[in-house]
Amino acid sequence: MTHMIGATEFKARCLRVISQMNKDGKPVTITRRGRPVAVLSPVQPPDEPTSIIGAMRGSVLAYHDPFQPAADPSDWSAAE
């Protein structure tokens, strides 16, 4: 169930309302003259990492000779 608050009261207590919403995780409906005009809801944490750094961590299971090329040079074809 969402918490309802008038626009004038929201304006006066904005930071407290946002803080409480983040604590309990429930959206807040802002009304004007009893009619809903906006819904304030907490941000959901992202499902995927936001940075590509470290995204491939753990994907290479073994690489026995780090000083040799990873692929045979004959596997590559370059335009001449």
N, C-alpha and C. Protein backbone atom coordinates (compact mmCIF):
# COMPACT_ATOMS: atom_id res chain seq x y z
N MET A 1 0.84 -1.18 0.00
CA MET A 1 0.00 0.00 0.00
C MET A 1 0.89 1.24 0.00
N THR A 2 0.55 2.20 -0.83
CA THR A 2 1.33 3.42 -0.91
C THR A 2 0.87 4.43 0.12
N HIS A 3 1.79 5.26 0.52
CA HIS A 3 1.50 6.34 1.45
C HIS A 3 1.07 7.55 0.62
N MET A 4 0.01 8.24 1.02
CA MET A 4 -0.46 9.42 0.29
C MET A 4 -0.16 10.67 1.10
N ILE A 5 0.27 11.72 0.38
CA ILE A 5 0.62 12.98 1.02
C ILE A 5 0.25 14.13 0.08
N GLY A 6 -0.27 15.19 0.63
CA GLY A 6 -0.63 16.37 -0.16
C GLY A 6 0.62 17.07 -0.68
N ALA A 7 0.49 17.74 -1.80
CA ALA A 7 1.63 18.41 -2.43
C ALA A 7 2.23 19.48 -1.52
N THR A 8 1.40 20.22 -0.80
CA THR A 8 1.89 21.27 0.10
C THR A 8 2.69 20.65 1.24
N GLU A 9 2.18 19.58 1.82
CA GLU A 9 2.89 18.90 2.90
C GLU A 9 4.18 18.27 2.38
N PHE A 10 4.13 17.68 1.17
CA PHE A 10 5.33 17.09 0.58
C PHE A 10 6.41 18.15 0.39
N LYS A 11 6.00 19.31 -0.09
CA LYS A 11 6.96 20.40 -0.31
C LYS A 11 7.63 20.80 1.01
N ALA A 12 6.87 20.83 2.09
CA ALA A 12 7.42 21.23 3.38
C ALA A 12 8.30 20.15 4.00
N ARG A 13 7.98 18.86 3.76
CA ARG A 13 8.70 17.77 4.41
C ARG A 13 9.39 16.84 3.42
N CYS A 14 9.75 17.35 2.28
CA CYS A 14 10.29 16.56 1.17
C CYS A 14 11.41 15.60 1.60
N LEU A 15 12.44 16.11 2.26
CA LEU A 15 13.59 15.27 2.61
C LEU A 15 13.21 14.17 3.60
N ARG A 16 12.34 14.49 4.55
CA ARG A 16 11.89 13.47 5.51
C ARG A 16 11.09 12.38 4.81
N VAL A 17 10.22 12.78 3.89
CA VAL A 17 9.40 11.81 3.16
C VAL A 17 10.28 10.89 2.32
N ILE A 18 11.26 11.46 1.65
CA ILE A 18 12.17 10.65 0.83
C ILE A 18 12.97 9.69 1.71
N SER A 19 13.45 10.16 2.84
CA SER A 19 14.20 9.32 3.76
C SER A 19 13.35 8.15 4.26
N GLN A 20 12.12 8.44 4.65
CA GLN A 20 11.22 7.38 5.13
C GLN A 20 10.90 6.39 4.02
N MET A 21 10.70 6.88 2.80
CA MET A 21 10.41 6.01 1.68
C MET A 21 11.57 5.05 1.42
N ASN A 22 12.80 5.55 1.52
CA ASN A 22 13.96 4.69 1.32
C ASN A 22 14.10 3.64 2.43
N LYS A 23 13.67 3.97 3.64
CA LYS A 23 13.74 3.02 4.75
C LYS A 23 12.74 1.89 4.59
N ASP A 24 11.47 2.25 4.30
CA ASP A 24 10.45 1.21 4.25
C ASP A 24 10.22 0.65 2.85
N GLY A 25 10.76 1.30 1.81
CA GLY A 25 10.65 0.79 0.44
C GLY A 25 9.29 0.94 -0.20
N LYS A 26 8.38 1.69 0.44
CA LYS A 26 7.03 1.85 -0.09
C LYS A 26 6.92 3.17 -0.87
N PRO A 27 6.28 3.14 -2.04
CA PRO A 27 6.11 4.36 -2.82
C PRO A 27 5.22 5.38 -2.11
N VAL A 28 5.37 6.63 -2.49
CA VAL A 28 4.58 7.73 -1.92
C VAL A 28 3.79 8.37 -3.06
N THR A 29 2.48 8.48 -2.88
CA THR A 29 1.64 9.15 -3.87
C THR A 29 1.43 10.59 -3.42
N ILE A 30 1.74 11.51 -4.30
CA ILE A 30 1.58 12.94 -4.01
C ILE A 30 0.27 13.39 -4.63
N THR A 31 -0.56 14.05 -3.81
CA THR A 31 -1.88 14.46 -4.28
C THR A 31 -2.00 15.99 -4.28
N ARG A 32 -2.91 16.45 -5.11
CA ARG A 32 -3.29 17.86 -5.11
C ARG A 32 -4.81 17.89 -5.10
N ARG A 33 -5.35 18.48 -4.02
CA ARG A 33 -6.80 18.53 -3.82
C ARG A 33 -7.43 17.13 -3.84
N GLY A 34 -6.70 16.17 -3.25
CA GLY A 34 -7.21 14.81 -3.14
C GLY A 34 -7.01 13.93 -4.35
N ARG A 35 -6.50 14.48 -5.44
CA ARG A 35 -6.28 13.70 -6.66
C ARG A 35 -4.79 13.39 -6.81
N PRO A 36 -4.44 12.15 -7.11
CA PRO A 36 -3.03 11.80 -7.31
C PRO A 36 -2.45 12.54 -8.51
N VAL A 37 -1.27 13.14 -8.30
CA VAL A 37 -0.59 13.85 -9.39
C VAL A 37 0.78 13.27 -9.68
N ALA A 38 1.35 12.54 -8.72
CA ALA A 38 2.68 11.96 -8.93
C ALA A 38 2.88 10.80 -7.96
N VAL A 39 3.77 9.89 -8.35
CA VAL A 39 4.16 8.79 -7.48
C VAL A 39 5.68 8.81 -7.36
N LEU A 40 6.14 8.82 -6.13
CA LEU A 40 7.56 8.80 -5.84
C LEU A 40 7.89 7.39 -5.35
N SER A 41 8.81 6.71 -6.03
CA SER A 41 9.13 5.35 -5.62
C SER A 41 10.64 5.18 -5.49
N PRO A 42 11.07 4.27 -4.61
CA PRO A 42 12.51 4.07 -4.43
C PRO A 42 13.14 3.45 -5.67
N VAL A 43 14.39 3.75 -5.88
CA VAL A 43 15.14 3.21 -7.02
C VAL A 43 15.48 1.75 -6.73
N GLN A 44 15.27 0.90 -7.72
CA GLN A 44 15.62 -0.51 -7.59
C GLN A 44 17.09 -0.69 -7.94
N PRO A 45 17.81 -1.50 -7.19
CA PRO A 45 19.22 -1.73 -7.54
C PRO A 45 19.33 -2.39 -8.90
N PRO A 46 20.35 -2.04 -9.66
CA PRO A 46 20.49 -2.63 -10.99
C PRO A 46 20.79 -4.12 -10.91
N ASP A 47 20.29 -4.88 -11.89
CA ASP A 47 20.53 -6.32 -11.95
C ASP A 47 21.92 -6.64 -12.48
N GLU A 48 22.41 -5.80 -13.37
CA GLU A 48 23.70 -6.04 -13.99
C GLU A 48 24.71 -5.00 -13.50
N PRO A 49 25.98 -5.34 -13.53
CA PRO A 49 26.98 -4.35 -13.12
C PRO A 49 26.92 -3.13 -14.03
N THR A 50 27.12 -1.95 -13.45
CA THR A 50 27.07 -0.73 -14.25
C THR A 50 28.40 -0.43 -14.92
N SER A 51 29.47 -1.12 -14.51
CA SER A 51 30.78 -0.90 -15.09
C SER A 51 31.24 -2.16 -15.80
N ILE A 52 31.95 -1.99 -16.92
CA ILE A 52 32.47 -3.15 -17.62
C ILE A 52 33.76 -3.66 -16.98
N ILE A 53 34.34 -2.84 -16.11
CA ILE A 53 35.57 -3.26 -15.45
C ILE A 53 35.24 -4.42 -14.51
N GLY A 54 35.88 -5.52 -14.71
CA GLY A 54 35.67 -6.70 -13.89
C GLY A 54 34.52 -7.58 -14.37
N ALA A 55 33.85 -7.21 -15.44
CA ALA A 55 32.70 -7.98 -15.91
C ALA A 55 33.10 -9.37 -16.40
N MET A 56 34.32 -9.54 -16.87
CA MET A 56 34.78 -10.83 -17.39
C MET A 56 35.59 -11.61 -16.36
N ARG A 57 35.65 -11.10 -15.12
CA ARG A 57 36.43 -11.77 -14.08
C ARG A 57 35.97 -13.22 -13.92
N GLY A 58 36.94 -14.13 -13.93
CA GLY A 58 36.65 -15.54 -13.74
C GLY A 58 36.30 -16.27 -15.02
N SER A 59 36.30 -15.61 -16.17
CA SER A 59 35.92 -16.28 -17.41
C SER A 59 37.06 -17.08 -18.03
N VAL A 60 38.33 -16.74 -17.74
CA VAL A 60 39.47 -17.51 -18.22
C VAL A 60 39.83 -18.50 -17.12
N LEU A 61 39.64 -19.78 -17.40
CA LEU A 61 39.86 -20.79 -16.38
C LEU A 61 41.33 -21.21 -16.31
N ALA A 62 42.01 -21.28 -17.44
CA ALA A 62 43.42 -21.67 -17.43
C ALA A 62 44.10 -21.14 -18.68
N TYR A 63 45.30 -20.67 -18.51
CA TYR A 63 46.14 -20.25 -19.63
C TYR A 63 47.56 -20.63 -19.24
N HIS A 64 48.05 -21.72 -19.81
CA HIS A 64 49.27 -22.36 -19.32
C HIS A 64 50.55 -21.67 -19.74
N ASP A 65 50.56 -21.00 -20.88
CA ASP A 65 51.81 -20.37 -21.36
C ASP A 65 51.53 -18.91 -21.72
N PRO A 66 51.64 -18.00 -20.77
CA PRO A 66 51.27 -16.62 -21.03
C PRO A 66 52.18 -15.88 -22.00
N PHE A 67 53.34 -16.46 -22.34
CA PHE A 67 54.27 -15.78 -23.23
C PHE A 67 54.08 -16.19 -24.69
N GLN A 68 53.19 -17.10 -24.97
CA GLN A 68 52.88 -17.52 -26.33
C GLN A 68 51.58 -16.85 -26.78
N PRO A 69 51.40 -16.63 -28.07
CA PRO A 69 50.15 -16.05 -28.56
C PRO A 69 48.95 -16.93 -28.19
N ALA A 70 47.83 -16.33 -27.95
CA ALA A 70 46.62 -17.06 -27.58
C ALA A 70 46.05 -17.84 -28.75
N ALA A 71 46.32 -17.38 -29.98
CA ALA A 71 45.82 -18.06 -31.18
C ALA A 71 46.99 -18.25 -32.14
N ASP A 72 46.85 -19.25 -32.97
CA ASP A 72 47.87 -19.52 -33.99
C ASP A 72 47.82 -18.41 -35.04
N PRO A 73 48.96 -17.85 -35.43
CA PRO A 73 48.95 -16.77 -36.43
C PRO A 73 48.30 -17.15 -37.75
N SER A 74 48.28 -18.45 -38.11
CA SER A 74 47.66 -18.86 -39.37
C SER A 74 46.13 -18.79 -39.29
N ASP A 75 45.59 -18.68 -38.08
CA ASP A 75 44.14 -18.54 -37.94
C ASP A 75 43.65 -17.17 -38.39
N TRP A 76 44.54 -16.21 -38.49
CA TRP A 76 44.18 -14.85 -38.85
C TRP A 76 44.42 -14.63 -40.34
N SER A 77 43.52 -13.95 -40.98
CA SER A 77 43.73 -13.58 -42.37
C SER A 77 43.61 -12.07 -42.48
N ALA A 78 44.61 -11.47 -43.03
CA ALA A 78 44.63 -10.00 -43.17
C ALA A 78 44.59 -9.65 -44.65
N ALA A 79 43.94 -8.57 -44.96
CA ALA A 79 43.90 -8.11 -46.36
C ALA A 79 45.31 -7.67 -46.74
N GLU A 80 45.71 -8.11 -47.89
CA GLU A 80 47.07 -7.78 -48.35
C GLU A 80 47.08 -6.62 -49.29
